[in-house]
């Protein structure tokens, strides 16, 4: 099944490494031009250079999606460079703590919710306004299996459950403007972000015991699913949560 994103412009946040980088590169392979976003410009420019090496256009924008002024900058630079936005992949996220629910602090709560949920929503809102002007688009919010099945990261799990509902709201309210919104929920994936989990032998064993397919996902697994959700092959799919978790959630 050939999937083409030729002529499309995609914004991918958290694109300097891991899942975000894999999604950005796979979208470029499928023909899209990119705006790649992350807080650290050096690694981000490497992603942009890899995209350009494929013959696609790419701009790197250093931004913290938890800041509304940075969101405005990202959208403005995308419009300046390309004149439109067809795809948004809301991938940027954080989890600075391993504290239990009994030990969780308001500081950690604010840090996680500000980026994982507030920033995600307001970036989607800003992009949706551009998409509305151009006849529609696709929003992919990256959540987690932790948003469906609670794990050892309580605040993170709560934030991702919020992402799942935010996606349904977007899908329902923005459908009249030709905007589809879906959630991509990875299971344990071999990235630097989640190494504290899969890199711990005890936690790794628990993951394997719970995962029917008996492996940790690769970022490419998520990239493949994201390109499908961004493409016309999924044109009648909206408001859904795609669990790419090797069966862990069941």
Protein backbone atom coordinates (compact mmCIF):
# COMPACT_ATOMS: atom_id res chain seq x y z
CA UNK A 1 0.00 0.00 0.00
CA UNK A 2 1.67 3.20 -1.17
CA UNK A 3 1.12 6.21 1.06
CA UNK A 4 1.87 9.65 -0.32
CA UNK A 5 2.08 12.93 1.54
CA UNK A 6 3.33 14.75 -1.53
CA UNK A 7 2.46 18.43 -1.44
CA UNK A 8 1.71 18.35 2.28
CA UNK A 9 3.30 20.50 4.99
CA UNK A 10 3.75 18.93 8.42
CA UNK A 11 4.75 20.30 11.80
CA UNK A 12 6.31 17.72 14.12
CA UNK A 13 7.18 18.69 17.68
CA UNK A 14 9.78 16.91 19.76
CA UNK A 15 11.49 16.10 16.46
CA UNK A 16 15.13 16.15 17.53
CA UNK A 17 15.17 12.49 18.58
CA UNK A 18 13.15 9.36 19.26
CA UNK A 19 9.57 9.03 18.07
CA UNK A 20 9.31 12.60 16.85
CA UNK A 21 12.41 12.35 14.69
CA UNK A 22 11.30 9.01 13.25
CA UNK A 23 7.90 10.46 12.34
CA UNK A 24 9.44 13.54 10.72
CA UNK A 25 11.82 11.45 8.61
CA UNK A 26 9.10 9.00 7.54
CA UNK A 27 6.80 11.86 6.53
CA UNK A 28 9.61 13.34 4.48
CA UNK A 29 10.16 9.95 2.80
CA UNK A 30 6.45 10.00 1.95
CA UNK A 31 6.78 13.38 0.26
CA UNK A 32 5.95 15.97 2.94
CA UNK A 33 7.86 19.16 3.67
CA UNK A 34 8.53 19.73 7.33
CA UNK A 35 8.67 22.18 10.19
CA UNK A 36 10.56 20.38 12.93
CA UNK A 37 10.32 21.72 16.46
CA UNK A 38 12.21 21.09 19.69
CA UNK A 39 13.85 23.04 22.49
CA UNK A 40 17.44 22.26 21.45
CA UNK A 41 18.35 23.65 18.05
CA UNK A 42 21.59 21.70 17.48
CA UNK A 43 20.00 18.24 17.40
CA UNK A 44 16.96 19.65 15.61
CA UNK A 45 19.08 20.99 12.77
CA UNK A 46 20.48 17.49 12.28
CA UNK A 47 16.93 16.24 11.71
CA UNK A 48 16.29 19.08 9.25
CA UNK A 49 19.52 18.27 7.39
CA UNK A 50 18.48 14.61 7.03
CA UNK A 51 15.16 15.72 5.58
CA UNK A 52 16.83 18.08 3.11
CA UNK A 53 19.14 15.25 2.04
CA UNK A 54 16.01 13.41 0.86
CA UNK A 55 15.16 16.33 -1.42
CA UNK A 56 12.42 17.71 0.82
CA UNK A 57 12.16 21.14 2.44
CA UNK A 58 12.64 21.56 6.18
CA UNK A 59 12.93 24.38 8.69
CA UNK A 60 14.02 23.92 12.30
CA UNK A 61 12.32 26.02 14.95
CA UNK A 62 13.58 26.05 18.53
CA UNK A 63 10.54 26.39 20.79
CA UNK A 64 9.07 25.30 24.12
CA UNK A 65 5.50 24.23 23.36
CA UNK A 66 4.55 24.92 26.98
CA UNK A 67 4.90 28.66 26.21
CA UNK A 68 2.12 30.33 24.27
CA UNK A 69 4.49 32.87 22.73
CA UNK A 70 6.62 30.02 21.34
CA UNK A 71 3.51 28.39 19.88
CA UNK A 72 2.75 31.62 18.03
CA UNK A 73 6.31 31.67 16.69
CA UNK A 74 6.10 28.10 15.38
CA UNK A 75 2.84 28.74 13.53
CA UNK A 76 4.03 32.07 12.13
CA UNK A 77 7.26 30.56 10.79
CA UNK A 78 5.37 27.65 9.21
CA UNK A 79 3.00 30.06 7.44
CA UNK A 80 5.89 32.27 6.35
CA UNK A 81 7.83 29.35 4.89
CA UNK A 82 5.00 27.38 3.29
CA UNK A 83 1.80 29.41 3.38
CA UNK A 84 -0.20 26.55 4.89
CA UNK A 85 -0.16 23.68 7.40
CA UNK A 86 -1.66 20.31 6.46
CA UNK A 87 -0.46 18.06 9.28
CA UNK A 88 0.37 18.58 12.95
CA UNK A 89 2.06 15.90 15.03
CA UNK A 90 1.86 16.95 18.66
CA UNK A 91 4.67 14.77 20.01
CA UNK A 92 6.58 16.94 22.50
CA UNK A 93 6.17 15.72 26.09
CA UNK A 94 7.93 15.57 29.41
CA UNK A 95 8.05 13.52 32.58
CA UNK A 96 10.66 14.84 35.03
CA UNK A 97 9.71 12.60 37.95
CA UNK A 98 9.30 8.97 38.96
CA UNK A 99 7.43 9.89 42.17
CA UNK A 100 4.41 7.85 43.19
CA UNK A 101 0.95 9.40 43.47
CA UNK A 102 1.51 9.78 47.22
CA UNK A 103 4.75 11.69 46.69
CA UNK A 104 3.82 13.74 43.62
CA UNK A 105 4.38 17.50 43.88
CA UNK A 106 2.47 20.43 42.48
CA UNK A 107 5.66 21.58 40.74
CA UNK A 108 5.91 18.31 38.83
CA UNK A 109 2.18 18.44 38.07
CA UNK A 110 2.45 21.92 36.58
CA UNK A 111 5.55 21.06 34.53
CA UNK A 112 3.99 17.94 33.02
CA UNK A 113 0.51 19.34 32.42
CA UNK A 114 1.82 22.57 30.95
CA UNK A 115 3.64 20.80 28.12
CA UNK A 116 1.81 17.48 27.74
CA UNK A 117 -1.72 18.88 27.78
CA UNK A 118 -1.96 22.69 27.80
CA UNK A 119 0.74 23.23 25.19
CA UNK A 120 -0.58 20.38 23.06
CA UNK A 121 -4.10 21.84 23.07
CA UNK A 122 -3.14 25.41 22.28
CA UNK A 123 -0.73 24.44 19.51
CA UNK A 124 -3.51 22.33 17.98
CA UNK A 125 -5.89 25.27 18.31
CA UNK A 126 -3.47 27.67 16.61
CA UNK A 127 -2.79 25.21 13.78
CA UNK A 128 -6.50 24.39 13.38
CA UNK A 129 -7.20 28.07 12.68
CA UNK A 130 -4.73 27.91 9.79
CA UNK A 131 -6.12 24.58 8.57
CA UNK A 132 -9.65 26.02 8.61
CA UNK A 133 -8.53 28.75 6.20
CA UNK A 134 -7.19 26.15 3.75
CA UNK A 135 -9.96 23.56 3.80
CA UNK A 136 -8.80 21.20 6.54
CA UNK A 137 -5.95 19.06 7.75
CA UNK A 138 -4.88 16.32 10.11
CA UNK A 139 -3.89 16.50 13.76
CA UNK A 140 -2.10 13.58 15.41
CA UNK A 141 -1.69 13.86 19.17
CA UNK A 142 0.89 11.48 20.58
CA UNK A 143 -0.42 10.03 23.83
CA UNK A 144 0.67 6.78 25.50
CA UNK A 145 -0.61 3.41 26.59
CA UNK A 146 -0.19 4.97 30.05
CA UNK A 147 -3.19 7.15 29.24
CA UNK A 148 -5.35 4.03 29.05
CA UNK A 149 -3.69 1.74 31.58
CA UNK A 150 -2.16 3.47 34.64
CA UNK A 151 1.51 2.72 35.21
CA UNK A 152 4.28 3.86 37.54
CA UNK A 153 4.21 7.43 36.20
CA UNK A 154 1.01 8.81 37.76
CA UNK A 155 1.00 12.45 36.63
CA UNK A 156 2.22 11.48 33.17
CA UNK A 157 -0.59 8.92 32.93
CA UNK A 158 -3.18 11.51 33.91
CA UNK A 159 -1.81 13.99 31.36
CA UNK A 160 -2.01 11.41 28.58
CA UNK A 161 -5.58 10.47 29.53
CA UNK A 162 -6.31 14.17 29.07
CA UNK A 163 -4.70 14.08 25.64
CA UNK A 164 -7.06 11.27 24.65
CA UNK A 165 -10.11 13.33 25.56
CA UNK A 166 -8.68 16.51 24.02
CA UNK A 167 -8.36 14.61 20.74
CA UNK A 168 -12.00 13.56 20.82
CA UNK A 169 -13.04 17.16 21.45
CA UNK A 170 -10.91 18.35 18.53
CA UNK A 171 -12.30 15.67 16.24
CA UNK A 172 -15.89 16.51 17.14
CA UNK A 173 -15.68 20.30 17.03
CA UNK A 174 -13.32 20.77 14.09
CA UNK A 175 -14.74 18.15 11.72
CA UNK A 176 -16.99 20.76 10.02
CA UNK A 177 -13.79 22.50 8.90
CA UNK A 178 -12.36 19.38 7.31
CA UNK A 179 -9.99 18.69 10.21
CA UNK A 180 -9.44 15.15 11.41
CA UNK A 181 -7.83 14.44 14.81
CA UNK A 182 -6.58 11.11 16.13
CA UNK A 183 -4.40 9.92 18.95
CA UNK A 184 -1.32 7.74 18.53
CA UNK A 185 -0.58 5.88 21.76
CA UNK A 186 2.80 4.13 21.87
CA UNK A 187 3.55 1.28 24.18
CA UNK A 188 7.07 0.95 25.54
CA UNK A 189 9.35 2.27 22.82
CA UNK A 190 13.13 2.18 22.72
CA UNK A 191 13.92 5.87 23.04
CA UNK A 192 16.13 7.95 25.29
CA UNK A 193 12.99 9.46 26.84
CA UNK A 194 11.78 6.09 28.17
CA UNK A 195 15.15 4.48 28.90
CA UNK A 196 14.56 4.74 32.66
CA UNK A 197 11.80 2.16 32.15
CA UNK A 198 12.98 -0.30 29.48
CA UNK A 199 16.57 0.05 30.67
CA UNK A 200 15.65 -1.19 34.15
CA UNK A 201 15.83 -5.04 34.21
CA UNK A 202 13.00 -5.41 36.72
CA UNK A 203 10.68 -3.05 34.87
CA UNK A 204 11.68 -4.58 31.53
CA UNK A 205 10.59 -8.01 32.77
CA UNK A 206 7.20 -6.64 33.79
CA UNK A 207 6.79 -5.03 30.37
CA UNK A 208 7.66 -8.27 28.58
CA UNK A 209 5.30 -10.28 30.78
CA UNK A 210 2.46 -7.91 29.84
CA UNK A 211 3.24 -7.54 26.12
CA UNK A 212 1.88 -10.34 23.90
CA UNK A 213 4.27 -9.54 21.03
CA UNK A 214 7.23 -9.83 23.44
CA UNK A 215 9.33 -6.91 22.29
CA UNK A 216 9.93 -3.22 22.86
CA UNK A 217 8.72 -1.04 20.02
CA UNK A 218 11.07 0.81 17.71
CA UNK A 219 10.35 4.49 16.90
CA UNK A 220 9.79 3.38 13.31
CA UNK A 221 6.71 1.45 14.45
CA UNK A 222 5.20 4.76 15.55
CA UNK A 223 6.34 6.57 12.40
CA UNK A 224 4.59 4.03 10.17
CA UNK A 225 1.33 4.47 12.06
CA UNK A 226 1.62 8.28 12.05
CA UNK A 227 2.09 8.43 8.28
CA UNK A 228 -1.01 6.28 7.80
CA UNK A 229 -3.06 8.55 10.08
CA UNK A 230 -1.78 11.63 8.25
CA UNK A 231 -2.63 10.28 4.82
CA UNK A 232 -5.78 9.98 2.74
CA UNK A 233 -5.71 6.23 3.47
CA UNK A 234 -7.32 7.10 6.82
CA UNK A 235 -9.71 9.74 5.45
CA UNK A 236 -12.75 8.36 7.32
CA UNK A 237 -10.99 7.94 10.66
CA UNK A 238 -11.24 10.64 13.31
CA UNK A 239 -11.51 10.84 17.10
CA UNK A 240 -9.81 7.48 17.56
CA UNK A 241 -6.99 6.31 19.82
CA UNK A 242 -4.53 4.10 17.93
CA UNK A 243 -2.72 1.91 20.45
CA UNK A 244 0.59 0.82 18.96
CA UNK A 245 1.65 -1.19 21.97
CA UNK A 246 2.25 -4.80 20.95
CA UNK A 247 -0.92 -5.75 22.80
CA UNK A 248 0.24 -4.45 26.20
CA UNK A 249 -3.08 -2.70 26.89
CA UNK A 250 -5.02 -5.97 26.59
